Amino acid sequence: MTASARTDEATPSAATRTVTTGRRDRGDRRRIPLRARLRRDRSLLFLCLPGLLYFVFFYYLPLLGNVIAFQDYQPFLGFADSQFIGLTNFTELLSDPLFWSAVRNTLEITVLQLVLYFPAPIGLALLLNSMLGNRIKRFIQTVVYLPHFLSWVVVVAMFGQILGGTGSVTTLLRDHGLDVGNVMANPDTFKLLVTSQVIWKDTGWATIIFLAAMTAIDLDLYESAACDGAGRWRRMWHITLPGIRAVVLMLLILRLGDILSVGFEQMILQRDAVGAGTSEVIDTYVYYHGVIGGDWGMSTAAGLMKGIIGVALIVAANKLAHRLGEQGVYQK
């Protein structure tokens, strides 16, 4: 064996040196003390601190109050001295017909919003994405975003001025011989009314995520499809919709987790107009029986059940997304 061959065997290759150096660098990073890492990343940690404190104080610490669901809670006694009664609150809750009426109303409104509201931002985003004029596109985006920043007090008042007993549309229809009555106080159309309010208020804002997802689609796909003779509808069906499918599925999973929350402010503002039998949902049931009625234990049990059902729906829907080959909200 020649001297040059022995030298080549003794000298590690570039790939070996790279792998060895990478492993050594990772080992060095692991050996960095915690105090040094905190000092190094202190700017990023301080940047995250306000958001972390928000979630800790307004989301995680209030979870400790769920112990009320298992107590005969008395505010002047506190958590420690209130009597522990086990599952009695849950038993009384499940035997209360008013609770089941609230559950039925909540599910009916949720189904309407899933069928009518959830596809609305997708359709609007597809429409805006197909527009060629950027000036007109930006103007329409600004107009449809604005209702999101209005409070529900303003939104309900505006709908009352339009569809109320003396509203502009109601008066116009009455003058032409079509008396629709007071739509705002009609229990038969209340669920469609609140769904239309949600569509008008939040559809524009919800399009932001879908428009952002569409920007990640490769434009060469559209050009290739156009060269192959695909029209606008075929390009949308075979390129745009598959390109945003993961985002749509993720938002649908999150919506299922919030399926039993249909808007406390919106409902409580219109509850007196149509009656509790039509407008009572789980959130208003908890408010009127807990805060107003003083039945803290049973109301907390209702809120806890709502949270558990929401978590179960998220987990089930996420597993279904994994079976369909999508990432979902979180990995396995």
C-alpha atoms as a PDB file:
ATOM      1  CA  MET A   1       0.000   0.000   0.000  1.00  0.00           C
ATOM      2  CA  THR A   2       1.417   3.371  -0.940  1.00  0.00           C
ATOM      3  CA  ALA A   3       1.992   6.245   1.467  1.00  0.00           C
ATOM      4  CA  SER A   4      -0.673   8.372  -0.216  1.00  0.00           C
ATOM      5  CA  ALA A   5      -3.288   5.631   0.234  1.00  0.00           C
ATOM      6  CA  ARG A   6      -2.424   5.286   3.903  1.00  0.00           C
ATOM      7  CA  THR A   7      -2.726   9.070   4.286  1.00  0.00           C
ATOM      8  CA  ASP A   8      -6.196   9.066   2.644  1.00  0.00           C
ATOM      9  CA  GLU A   9      -7.392   6.315   4.975  1.00  0.00           C
ATOM     10  CA  ALA A  10      -6.097   8.122   8.046  1.00  0.00           C
ATOM     11  CA  THR A  11      -7.661  11.437   7.051  1.00  0.00           C
ATOM     12  CA  PRO A  12     -11.467  11.593   7.711  1.00  0.00           C
ATOM     13  CA  SER A  13     -13.631  12.614   4.800  1.00  0.00           C
ATOM     14  CA  ALA A  14     -15.456  15.956   4.609  1.00  0.00           C
ATOM     15  CA  ALA A  15     -18.821  14.299   5.223  1.00  0.00           C
ATOM     16  CA  THR A  16     -17.473  12.519   8.315  1.00  0.00           C
ATOM     17  CA  ARG A  17     -16.053  15.775   9.645  1.00  0.00           C
ATOM     18  CA  THR A  18     -19.390  17.508   9.027  1.00  0.00           C
ATOM     19  CA  VAL A  19     -21.397  14.832  10.841  1.00  0.00           C
ATOM     20  CA  THR A  20     -18.921  14.777  13.727  1.00  0.00           C
ATOM     21  CA  THR A  21     -18.920  18.559  13.991  1.00  0.00           C
ATOM     22  CA  GLY A  22     -22.751  18.651  13.917  1.00  0.00           C
ATOM     23  CA  ARG A  23     -22.990  16.122  16.710  1.00  0.00           C
ATOM     24  CA  ARG A  24     -20.425  18.030  18.750  1.00  0.00           C
ATOM     25  CA  ASP A  25     -22.313  21.296  18.215  1.00  0.00           C
ATOM     26  CA  ARG A  26     -25.579  19.697  19.336  1.00  0.00           C
ATOM     27  CA  GLY A  27     -23.833  18.273  22.369  1.00  0.00           C
ATOM     28  CA  ASP A  28     -22.398  21.723  23.175  1.00  0.00           C
ATOM     29  CA  ARG A  29     -25.871  23.255  22.932  1.00  0.00           C
ATOM     30  CA  ARG A  30     -27.255  20.650  25.297  1.00  0.00           C
ATOM     31  CA  ARG A  31     -24.521  21.414  27.807  1.00  0.00           C
ATOM     32  CA  ILE A  32     -25.374  25.129  27.939  1.00  0.00           C
ATOM     33  CA  PRO A  33     -26.645  25.835  31.486  1.00  0.00           C
ATOM     34  CA  LEU A  34     -30.228  26.936  31.943  1.00  0.00           C
ATOM     35  CA  ARG A  35     -29.151  30.267  33.421  1.00  0.00           C
ATOM     36  CA  ALA A  36     -27.000  31.005  30.391  1.00  0.00           C
ATOM     37  CA  ARG A  37     -29.840  30.142  28.008  1.00  0.00           C
ATOM     38  CA  LEU A  38     -32.249  32.374  29.933  1.00  0.00           C
ATOM     39  CA  ARG A  39     -29.727  35.211  29.800  1.00  0.00           C
ATOM     40  CA  ARG A  40     -29.179  34.652  26.091  1.00  0.00           C
ATOM     41  CA  ASP A  41     -32.901  34.585  25.213  1.00  0.00           C
ATOM     42  CA  ARG A  42     -34.107  37.170  27.725  1.00  0.00           C
ATOM     43  CA  SER A  43     -35.325  39.558  25.006  1.00  0.00           C
ATOM     44  CA  LEU A  44     -37.584  36.924  23.464  1.00  0.00           C
ATOM     45  CA  LEU A  45     -38.787  35.793  26.890  1.00  0.00           C
ATOM     46  CA  PHE A  46     -39.751  39.337  27.877  1.00  0.00           C
ATOM     47  CA  LEU A  47     -41.549  39.666  24.545  1.00  0.00           C
ATOM     48  CA  CYS A  48     -43.627  36.557  25.307  1.00  0.00           C
ATOM     49  CA  LEU A  49     -44.255  37.503  28.940  1.00  0.00           C
ATOM     50  CA  PRO A  50     -47.436  39.641  28.470  1.00  0.00           C
ATOM     51  CA  GLY A  51     -49.171  36.943  26.436  1.00  0.00           C
ATOM     52  CA  LEU A  52     -48.097  34.264  28.904  1.00  0.00           C
ATOM     53  CA  LEU A  53     -49.433  36.256  31.865  1.00  0.00           C
ATOM     54  CA  TYR A  54     -52.702  36.842  30.028  1.00  0.00           C
ATOM     55  CA  PHE A  55     -53.312  33.132  29.556  1.00  0.00           C
ATOM     56  CA  VAL A  56     -52.170  32.284  33.079  1.00  0.00           C
ATOM     57  CA  PHE A  57     -54.418  34.790  34.861  1.00  0.00           C
ATOM     58  CA  PHE A  58     -57.488  34.627  32.608  1.00  0.00           C
ATOM     59  CA  TYR A  59     -57.473  31.004  31.418  1.00  0.00           C
ATOM     60  CA  TYR A  60     -55.425  28.679  33.620  1.00  0.00           C
ATOM     61  CA  LEU A  61     -55.941  30.076  37.124  1.00  0.00           C
ATOM     62  CA  PRO A  62     -59.752  30.251  36.674  1.00  0.00           C
ATOM     63  CA  LEU A  63     -59.682  26.493  36.011  1.00  0.00           C
ATOM     64  CA  LEU A  64     -59.186  26.033  39.755  1.00  0.00           C
ATOM     65  CA  GLY A  65     -62.717  27.363  40.230  1.00  0.00           C
ATOM     66  CA  ASN A  66     -64.138  24.194  38.651  1.00  0.00           C
ATOM     67  CA  VAL A  67     -63.990  22.664  42.122  1.00  0.00           C
ATOM     68  CA  ILE A  68     -67.281  24.526  42.728  1.00  0.00           C
ATOM     69  CA  ALA A  69     -68.997  21.931  40.524  1.00  0.00           C
ATOM     70  CA  PHE A  70     -68.433  19.374  43.284  1.00  0.00           C
ATOM     71  CA  GLN A  71     -69.419  21.623  46.207  1.00  0.00           C
ATOM     72  CA  ASP A  72     -72.441  23.279  47.711  1.00  0.00           C
ATOM     73  CA  TYR A  73     -70.581  26.501  47.177  1.00  0.00           C
ATOM     74  CA  GLN A  74     -71.328  29.505  49.356  1.00  0.00           C
ATOM     75  CA  PRO A  75     -69.423  32.684  48.415  1.00  0.00           C
ATOM     76  CA  PHE A  76     -69.043  33.852  52.011  1.00  0.00           C
ATOM     77  CA  LEU A  77     -67.495  30.478  52.969  1.00  0.00           C
ATOM     78  CA  GLY A  78     -65.099  30.162  50.048  1.00  0.00           C
ATOM     79  CA  PHE A  79     -63.637  27.064  48.425  1.00  0.00           C
ATOM     80  CA  ALA A  80     -62.112  25.602  51.575  1.00  0.00           C
ATOM     81  CA  ASP A  81     -65.176  25.711  53.844  1.00  0.00           C
ATOM     82  CA  SER A  82     -67.960  24.956  51.341  1.00  0.00           C
ATOM     83  CA  GLN A  83     -69.450  21.488  51.694  1.00  0.00           C
ATOM     84  CA  PHE A  84     -68.254  18.826  49.236  1.00  0.00           C
ATOM     85  CA  ILE A  85     -71.256  17.047  47.694  1.00  0.00           C
ATOM     86  CA  GLY A  86     -69.683  14.992  44.922  1.00  0.00           C
ATOM     87  CA  LEU A  87     -71.721  14.604  41.719  1.00  0.00           C
ATOM     88  CA  THR A  88     -74.965  15.982  43.118  1.00  0.00           C
ATOM     89  CA  ASN A  89     -74.751  19.139  41.006  1.00  0.00           C
ATOM     90  CA  PHE A  90     -74.328  17.078  37.838  1.00  0.00           C
ATOM     91  CA  THR A  91     -77.319  14.910  38.762  1.00  0.00           C
ATOM     92  CA  GLU A  92     -79.539  17.941  39.315  1.00  0.00           C
ATOM     93  CA  LEU A  93     -78.240  19.534  36.127  1.00  0.00           C
ATOM     94  CA  LEU A  94     -79.067  16.521  33.963  1.00  0.00           C
ATOM     95  CA  SER A  95     -82.560  16.352  35.451  1.00  0.00           C
ATOM     96  CA  ASP A  96     -83.291  20.041  34.778  1.00  0.00           C
ATOM     97  CA  PRO A  97     -85.512  20.485  31.663  1.00  0.00           C
ATOM     98  CA  LEU A  98     -84.324  24.076  31.276  1.00  0.00           C
ATOM     99  CA  PHE A  99     -80.764  22.838  30.803  1.00  0.00           C
ATOM    100  CA  TRP A 100     -81.790  20.450  28.038  1.00  0.00           C
ATOM    101  CA  SER A 101     -83.770  23.238  26.387  1.00  0.00           C
ATOM    102  CA  ALA A 102     -80.605  25.366  26.437  1.00  0.00           C
ATOM    103  CA  VAL A 103     -78.586  22.467  24.979  1.00  0.00           C
ATOM    104  CA  ARG A 104     -81.127  21.984  22.182  1.00  0.00           C
ATOM    105  CA  ASN A 105     -81.095  25.684  21.291  1.00  0.00           C
ATOM    106  CA  THR A 106     -77.303  25.734  21.366  1.00  0.00           C
ATOM    107  CA  LEU A 107     -76.997  22.737  19.042  1.00  0.00           C
ATOM    108  CA  GLU A 108     -79.590  24.088  16.600  1.00  0.00           C
ATOM    109  CA  ILE A 109     -77.823  27.443  16.337  1.00  0.00           C
ATOM    110  CA  THR A 110     -74.449  25.718  16.026  1.00  0.00           C
ATOM    111  CA  VAL A 111     -75.644  23.507  13.172  1.00  0.00           C
ATOM    112  CA  LEU A 112     -77.026  26.539  11.347  1.00  0.00           C
ATOM    113  CA  GLN A 113     -73.740  28.381  11.765  1.00  0.00           C
ATOM    114  CA  LEU A 114     -71.719  25.397  10.570  1.00  0.00           C
ATOM    115  CA  VAL A 115     -73.897  25.020   7.481  1.00  0.00           C
ATOM    116  CA  LEU A 116     -74.426  28.706   6.629  1.00  0.00           C
ATOM    117  CA  TYR A 117     -71.628  30.703   8.270  1.00  0.00           C
ATOM    118  CA  PHE A 118     -68.557  28.454   8.062  1.00  0.00           C
ATOM    119  CA  PRO A 119     -68.537  28.233   4.218  1.00  0.00           C
ATOM    120  CA  ALA A 120     -69.210  31.975   3.824  1.00  0.00           C
ATOM    121  CA  PRO A 121     -65.605  33.165   4.474  1.00  0.00           C
ATOM    122  CA  ILE A 122     -64.284  30.485   2.111  1.00  0.00           C
ATOM    123  CA  GLY A 123     -66.601  31.647  -0.676  1.00  0.00           C
ATOM    124  CA  LEU A 124     -65.746  35.307  -0.082  1.00  0.00           C
ATOM    125  CA  ALA A 125     -62.026  34.540  -0.054  1.00  0.00           C
ATOM    126  CA  LEU A 126     -62.340  32.662  -3.351  1.00  0.00           C
ATOM    127  CA  LEU A 127     -64.219  35.614  -4.825  1.00  0.00           C
ATOM    128  CA  LEU A 128     -61.645  38.153  -3.658  1.00  0.00           C
ATOM    129  CA  ASN A 129     -58.775  35.961  -4.814  1.00  0.00           C
ATOM    130  CA  SER A 130     -60.223  35.828  -8.340  1.00  0.00           C
ATOM    131  CA  MET A 131     -60.424  39.612  -8.681  1.00  0.00           C
ATOM    132  CA  LEU A 132     -57.792  41.182 -10.924  1.00  0.00           C
ATOM    133  CA  GLY A 133     -58.033  44.817  -9.873  1.00  0.00           C
ATOM    134  CA  ASN A 134     -56.011  45.334  -6.678  1.00  0.00           C
ATOM    135  CA  ARG A 135     -57.611  48.706  -5.948  1.00  0.00           C
ATOM    136  CA  ILE A 136     -61.148  47.314  -6.036  1.00  0.00           C
ATOM    137  CA  LYS A 137     -59.994  44.224  -4.128  1.00  0.00           C
ATOM    138  CA  ARG A 138     -58.499  46.307  -1.302  1.00  0.00           C
ATOM    139  CA  PHE A 139     -61.610  48.481  -1.131  1.00  0.00           C
ATOM    140  CA  ILE A 140     -63.907  45.456  -0.817  1.00  0.00           C
ATOM    141  CA  GLN A 141     -61.630  43.907   1.797  1.00  0.00           C
ATOM    142  CA  THR A 142     -61.747  47.071   3.871  1.00  0.00           C
ATOM    143  CA  VAL A 143     -65.534  47.264   3.657  1.00  0.00           C
ATOM    144  CA  VAL A 144     -66.141  43.638   4.659  1.00  0.00           C
ATOM    145  CA  TYR A 145     -63.601  43.817   7.519  1.00  0.00           C
ATOM    146  CA  LEU A 146     -65.255  46.783   9.241  1.00  0.00           C
ATOM    147  CA  PRO A 147     -68.290  45.025  10.802  1.00  0.00           C
ATOM    148  CA  HIS A 148     -65.966  42.806  12.865  1.00  0.00           C
ATOM    149  CA  PHE A 149     -64.881  45.832  14.906  1.00  0.00           C
ATOM    150  CA  LEU A 150     -68.448  46.752  15.874  1.00  0.00           C
ATOM    151  CA  SER A 151     -69.716  45.564  19.243  1.00  0.00           C
ATOM    152  CA  TRP A 152     -72.731  43.285  19.437  1.00  0.00           C
ATOM    153  CA  VAL A 153     -74.692  46.132  21.020  1.00  0.00           C
ATOM    154  CA  VAL A 154     -74.258  48.173  17.845  1.00  0.00           C
ATOM    155  CA  VAL A 155     -74.945  45.197  15.553  1.00  0.00           C
ATOM    156  CA  VAL A 156     -78.177  44.237  17.329  1.00  0.00           C
ATOM    157  CA  ALA A 157     -79.310  47.866  17.348  1.00  0.00           C
ATOM    158  CA  MET A 158     -78.647  48.165  13.597  1.00  0.00           C
ATOM    159  CA  PHE A 159     -80.616  45.000  12.857  1.00  0.00           C
ATOM    160  CA  GLY A 160     -83.422  46.368  15.025  1.00  0.00           C
ATOM    161  CA  GLN A 161     -83.509  49.566  12.997  1.00  0.00           C
ATOM    162  CA  ILE A 162     -83.751  47.500   9.803  1.00  0.00           C
ATOM    163  CA  LEU A 163     -85.864  44.470  10.731  1.00  0.00           C
ATOM    164  CA  GLY A 164     -87.688  45.646  13.862  1.00  0.00           C
ATOM    165  CA  GLY A 165     -91.382  46.449  14.094  1.00  0.00           C
ATOM    166  CA  THR A 166     -90.754  49.983  12.811  1.00  0.00           C
ATOM    167  CA  GLY A 167     -87.574  49.169  10.908  1.00  0.00           C
ATOM    168  CA  SER A 168     -86.840  50.511   7.459  1.00  0.00           C
ATOM    169  CA  VAL A 169     -87.193  47.188   5.623  1.00  0.00           C
ATOM    170  CA  THR A 170     -90.268  46.199   7.631  1.00  0.00           C
ATOM    171  CA  THR A 171     -91.946  49.520   6.883  1.00  0.00           C
ATOM    172  CA  LEU A 172     -91.057  49.290   3.182  1.00  0.00           C
ATOM    173  CA  LEU A 173     -92.538  45.801   2.894  1.00  0.00           C
ATOM    174  CA  ARG A 174     -95.636  46.843   4.824  1.00  0.00           C
ATOM    175  CA  ASP A 175     -96.173  49.778   2.471  1.00  0.00           C
ATOM    176  CA  HIS A 176     -96.152  47.341  -0.452  1.00  0.00           C
ATOM    177  CA  GLY A 177     -98.703  45.041   1.134  1.00  0.00           C
ATOM    178  CA  LEU A 178     -96.353  42.480   2.689  1.00  0.00           C
ATOM    179  CA  ASP A 179     -96.565  42.497   6.478  1.00  0.00           C
ATOM    180  CA  VAL A 180     -93.692  40.435   7.930  1.00  0.00           C
ATOM    181  CA  GLY A 181     -94.210  41.694  11.462  1.00  0.00           C
ATOM    182  CA  ASN A 182     -91.358  42.249  13.909  1.00  0.00           C
ATOM    183  CA  VAL A 183     -88.604  39.892  12.783  1.00  0.00           C
ATOM    184  CA  MET A 184     -86.479  40.780  15.817  1.00  0.00           C
ATOM    185  CA  ALA A 185     -89.184  39.436  18.153  1.00  0.00           C
ATOM    186  CA  ASN A 186     -90.255  36.404  16.151  1.00  0.00           C
ATOM    187  CA  PRO A 187     -89.221  33.137  17.904  1.00  0.00           C
ATOM    188  CA  ASP A 188     -89.716  31.116  14.710  1.00  0.00           C
ATOM    189  CA  THR A 189     -87.013  32.996  12.802  1.00  0.00           C
ATOM    190  CA  PHE A 190     -84.733  33.858  15.730  1.00  0.00           C
ATOM    191  CA  LYS A 191     -82.083  31.210  15.030  1.00  0.00           C
ATOM    192  CA  LEU A 192     -81.825  32.243  11.380  1.00  0.00           C
ATOM    193  CA  LEU A 193     -81.648  35.860  12.521  1.00  0.00           C
ATOM    194  CA  VAL A 194     -78.680  35.334  14.874  1.00  0.00           C
ATOM    195  CA  THR A 195     -76.909  33.279  12.192  1.00  0.00           C
ATOM    196  CA  SER A 196     -77.343  36.091   9.658  1.00  0.00           C
ATOM    197  CA  GLN A 197     -75.956  38.540  12.215  1.00  0.00           C
ATOM    198  CA  VAL A 198     -72.835  36.392  12.631  1.00  0.00           C
ATOM    199  CA  ILE A 199     -72.439  36.110   8.855  1.00  0.00           C
ATOM    200  CA  TRP A 200     -72.694  39.875   8.387  1.00  0.00           C
ATOM    201  CA  LYS A 201     -70.361  40.697  11.249  1.00  0.00           C
ATOM    202  CA  ASP A 202     -67.540  38.144  10.989  1.00  0.00           C
ATOM    203  CA  THR A 203     -67.412  36.775   7.440  1.00  0.00           C
ATOM    204  CA  GLY A 204     -65.053  39.471   6.192  1.00  0.00           C
ATOM    205  CA  TRP A 205     -62.681  39.095   9.109  1.00  0.00           C
ATOM    206  CA  ALA A 206     -62.569  35.297   8.771  1.00  0.00           C
ATOM    207  CA  THR A 207     -61.438  35.567   5.146  1.00  0.00           C
ATOM    208  CA  ILE A 208     -58.003  36.802   6.254  1.00  0.00           C
ATOM    209  CA  ILE A 209     -56.765  33.301   7.081  1.00  0.00           C
ATOM    210  CA  PHE A 210     -58.068  31.805   3.840  1.00  0.00           C
ATOM    211  CA  LEU A 211     -56.591  34.597   1.723  1.00  0.00           C
ATOM    212  CA  ALA A 212     -53.248  34.083   3.456  1.00  0.00           C
ATOM    213  CA  ALA A 213     -53.438  30.361   2.704  1.00  0.00           C
ATOM    214  CA  MET A 214     -54.154  31.077  -0.965  1.00  0.00           C
ATOM    215  CA  THR A 215     -51.005  33.173  -1.292  1.00  0.00           C
ATOM    216  CA  ALA A 216     -48.939  30.037  -0.550  1.00  0.00           C
ATOM    217  CA  ILE A 217     -50.286  28.250  -3.653  1.00  0.00           C
ATOM    218  CA  ASP A 218     -47.757  28.128  -6.499  1.00  0.00           C
ATOM    219  CA  LEU A 219     -48.895  30.397  -9.339  1.00  0.00           C
ATOM    220  CA  ASP A 220     -47.244  28.097 -11.860  1.00  0.00           C
ATOM    221  CA  LEU A 221     -50.009  25.586 -11.170  1.00  0.00           C
ATOM    222  CA  TYR A 222     -52.606  28.079 -12.392  1.00  0.00           C
ATOM    223  CA  GLU A 223     -50.567  28.867 -15.496  1.00  0.00           C
ATOM    224  CA  SER A 224     -50.088  25.188 -16.322  1.00  0.00           C
ATOM    225  CA  ALA A 225     -53.773  24.477 -15.819  1.00  0.00           C
ATOM    226  CA  ALA A 226     -54.725  27.433 -18.026  1.00  0.00           C
ATOM    227  CA  CYS A 227     -52.373  26.205 -20.756  1.00  0.00           C
ATOM    228  CA  ASP A 228     -54.079  22.790 -20.564  1.00  0.00           C
ATOM    229  CA  GLY A 229     -57.437  24.437 -21.158  1.00  0.00           C
ATOM    230  CA  ALA A 230     -58.779  24.508 -17.577  1.00  0.00           C
ATOM    231  CA  GLY A 231     -61.264  27.287 -16.975  1.00  0.00           C
ATOM    232  CA  ARG A 232     -61.677  29.427 -13.896  1.00  0.00           C
ATOM    233  CA  TRP A 233     -63.988  26.976 -12.118  1.00  0.00           C
ATOM    234  CA  ARG A 234     -61.757  23.980 -12.787  1.00  0.00           C
ATOM    235  CA  ARG A 235     -58.699  25.857 -11.540  1.00  0.00           C
ATOM    236  CA  MET A 236     -60.560  26.775  -8.378  1.00  0.00           C
ATOM    237  CA  TRP A 237     -61.834  23.213  -7.839  1.00  0.00           C
ATOM    238  CA  HIS A 238     -58.588  21.385  -8.590  1.00  0.00           C
ATOM    239  CA  ILE A 239     -55.953  23.889  -7.376  1.00  0.00           C
ATOM    240  CA  THR A 240     -57.312  26.503  -4.969  1.00  0.00           C
ATOM    241  CA  LEU A 241     -59.570  24.332  -2.828  1.00  0.00           C
ATOM    242  CA  PRO A 242     -57.016  21.503  -2.419  1.00  0.00           C
ATOM    243  CA  GLY A 243     -54.399  24.137  -1.594  1.00  0.00           C
ATOM    244  CA  ILE A 244     -56.377  25.469   1.366  1.00  0.00           C
ATOM    245  CA  ARG A 245     -57.858  22.130   2.450  1.00  0.00           C
ATOM    246  CA  ALA A 246     -55.501  21.781   5.438  1.00  0.00           C
ATOM    247  CA  VAL A 247     -56.399  25.260   6.725  1.00  0.00           C
ATOM    248  CA  VAL A 248     -60.121  24.633   6.260  1.00  0.00           C
ATOM    249  CA  LEU A 249     -59.894  21.362   8.154  1.00  0.00           C
ATOM    250  CA  MET A 250     -57.900  22.926  10.978  1.00  0.00           C
ATOM    251  CA  LEU A 251     -60.415  25.753  11.424  1.00  0.00           C
ATOM    252  CA  LEU A 252     -63.281  23.265  11.294  1.00  0.00           C
ATOM    253  CA  ILE A 253     -61.675  21.267  14.109  1.00  0.00           C
ATOM    254  CA  LEU A 254     -61.273  24.401  16.207  1.00  0.00           C
ATOM    255  CA  ARG A 255     -64.872  25.342  15.475  1.00  0.00           C
ATOM    256  CA  LEU A 256     -66.051  21.944  16.674  1.00  0.00           C
ATOM    257  CA  GLY A 257     -64.181  22.499  19.933  1.00  0.00           C
ATOM    258  CA  ASP A 258     -66.141  25.705  20.419  1.00  0.00           C
ATOM    259  CA  ILE A 259     -69.388  24.139  19.252  1.00  0.00           C
ATOM    260  CA  LEU A 260     -71.303  24.793  22.486  1.00  0.00           C
ATOM    261  CA  SER A 261     -70.413  28.506  22.573  1.00  0.00           C
ATOM    262  CA  VAL A 262     -72.625  30.557  20.274  1.00  0.00           C
ATOM    263  CA  GLY A 263     -72.093  34.081  21.564  1.00  0.00           C
ATOM    264  CA  PHE A 264     -73.088  35.159  25.066  1.00  0.00           C
ATOM    265  CA  GLU A 265     -73.371  38.876  24.290  1.00  0.00           C
ATOM    266  CA  GLN A 266     -75.420  38.345  21.154  1.00  0.00           C
ATOM    267  CA  MET A 267     -77.906  36.089  22.936  1.00  0.00           C
ATOM    268  CA  ILE A 268     -78.337  38.053  26.128  1.00  0.00           C
ATOM    269  CA  LEU A 269     -79.066  41.249  24.181  1.00  0.00           C
ATOM    270  CA  GLN A 270     -81.994  39.593  22.358  1.00  0.00           C
ATOM    271  CA  ARG A 271     -83.206  37.204  25.053  1.00  0.00           C
ATOM    272  CA  ASP A 272     -86.025  39.397  26.320  1.00  0.00           C
ATOM    273  CA  ALA A 273     -87.377  40.062  22.827  1.00  0.00           C
ATOM    274  CA  VAL A 274     -88.063  36.414  21.938  1.00  0.00           C
ATOM    275  CA  GLY A 275     -88.157  34.732  25.338  1.00  0.00           C
ATOM    276  CA  ALA A 276     -85.878  32.314  27.132  1.00  0.00           C
ATOM    277  CA  GLY A 277     -87.464  29.254  25.542  1.00  0.00           C
ATOM    278  CA  THR A 278     -86.014  30.172  22.141  1.00  0.00           C
ATOM    279  CA  SER A 279     -82.869  32.137  22.976  1.00  0.00           C
ATOM    280  CA  GLU A 280     -81.566  30.372  26.088  1.00  0.00           C
ATOM    281  CA  VAL A 281     -78.183  28.759  25.362  1.00  0.00           C
ATOM    282  CA  ILE A 282     -75.689  27.144  27.702  1.00  0.00           C
ATOM    283  CA  ASP A 283     -73.753  30.364  28.345  1.00  0.00           C
ATOM    284  CA  THR A 284     -76.863  32.349  29.262  1.00  0.00           C
ATOM    285  CA  TYR A 285     -78.128  29.399  31.325  1.00  0.00           C
ATOM    286  CA  VAL A 286     -74.905  29.502  33.360  1.00  0.00           C
ATOM    287  CA  TYR A 287     -75.201  33.271  33.799  1.00  0.00           C
ATOM    288  CA  TYR A 288     -78.830  33.379  34.917  1.00  0.00           C
ATOM    289  CA  HIS A 289     -78.651  30.328  37.172  1.00  0.00           C
ATOM    290  CA  GLY A 290     -75.218  31.057  38.601  1.00  0.00           C
ATOM    291  CA  VAL A 291     -74.587  34.796  38.748  1.00  0.00           C
ATOM    292  CA  ILE A 292     -78.223  35.882  38.953  1.00  0.00           C
ATOM    293  CA  GLY A 293     -79.827  32.885  40.652  1.00  0.00           C
ATOM    294  CA  GLY A 294     -76.948  32.070  42.990  1.00  0.00           C
ATOM    295  CA  ASP A 295     -76.830  28.353  42.068  1.00  0.00           C
ATOM    296  CA  TRP A 296     -73.067  28.391  41.643  1.00  0.00           C
ATOM    297  CA  GLY A 297     -72.469  24.654  41.837  1.00  0.00           C
ATOM    298  CA  MET A 298     -74.904  23.545  39.142  1.00  0.00           C
ATOM    299  CA  SER A 299     -73.890  26.392  36.809  1.00  0.00           C
ATOM    300  CA  THR A 300     -70.221  25.502  37.189  1.00  0.00           C
ATOM    301  CA  ALA A 301     -71.102  21.879  36.437  1.00  0.00           C
ATOM    302  CA  ALA A 302     -72.766  23.023  33.196  1.00  0.00           C
ATOM    303  CA  GLY A 303     -69.703  25.023  32.193  1.00  0.00           C
ATOM    304  CA  LEU A 304     -67.394  22.123  33.047  1.00  0.00           C
ATOM    305  CA  MET A 305     -69.452  19.698  30.966  1.00  0.00           C
ATOM    306  CA  LYS A 306     -69.329  22.125  28.047  1.00  0.00           C
ATOM    307  CA  GLY A 307     -65.545  22.300  28.263  1.00  0.00           C
ATOM    308  CA  ILE A 308     -65.123  18.526  28.483  1.00  0.00           C
ATOM    309  CA  ILE A 309     -67.374  17.961  25.457  1.00  0.00           C
ATOM    310  CA  GLY A 310     -65.420  20.588  23.505  1.00  0.00           C
ATOM    311  CA  VAL A 311     -62.084  18.914  24.270  1.00  0.00           C
ATOM    312  CA  ALA A 312     -63.476  15.496  23.324  1.00  0.00           C
ATOM    313  CA  LEU A 313     -64.732  16.859  19.983  1.00  0.00           C
ATOM    314  CA  ILE A 314     -61.328  18.414  19.202  1.00  0.00           C
ATOM    315  CA  VAL A 315     -59.500  15.163  19.953  1.00  0.00           C
ATOM    316  CA  ALA A 316     -61.951  13.087  17.870  1.00  0.00           C
ATOM    317  CA  ALA A 317     -61.900  15.495  14.933  1.00  0.00           C
ATOM    318  CA  ASN A 318     -58.095  15.699  15.045  1.00  0.00           C
ATOM    319  CA  LYS A 319     -57.810  11.903  14.899  1.00  0.00           C
ATOM    320  CA  LEU A 320     -60.169  11.886  11.927  1.00  0.00           C
ATOM    321  CA  ALA A 321     -57.960  14.485  10.219  1.00  0.00           C
ATOM    322  CA  HIS A 322     -54.919  12.256  10.741  1.00  0.00           C
ATOM    323  CA  ARG A 323     -56.783   9.332   9.165  1.00  0.00           C
ATOM    324  CA  LEU A 324     -57.548  11.538   6.159  1.00  0.00           C
ATOM    325  CA  GLY A 325     -53.853  12.338   5.795  1.00  0.00           C
ATOM    326  CA  GLU A 326     -53.976  15.899   7.135  1.00  0.00           C
ATOM    327  CA  GLN A 327     -51.925  17.398   9.941  1.00  0.00           C
ATOM    328  CA  GLY A 328     -54.844  18.689  11.987  1.00  0.00           C
ATOM    329  CA  VAL A 329     -54.370  20.952  14.990  1.00  0.00           C
ATOM    330  CA  TYR A 330     -51.581  18.914  16.593  1.00  0.00           C
ATOM    331  CA  GLN A 331     -49.493  15.875  15.731  1.00  0.00           C
ATOM    332  CA  LYS A 332     -50.001  12.418  17.203  1.00  0.00           C
END
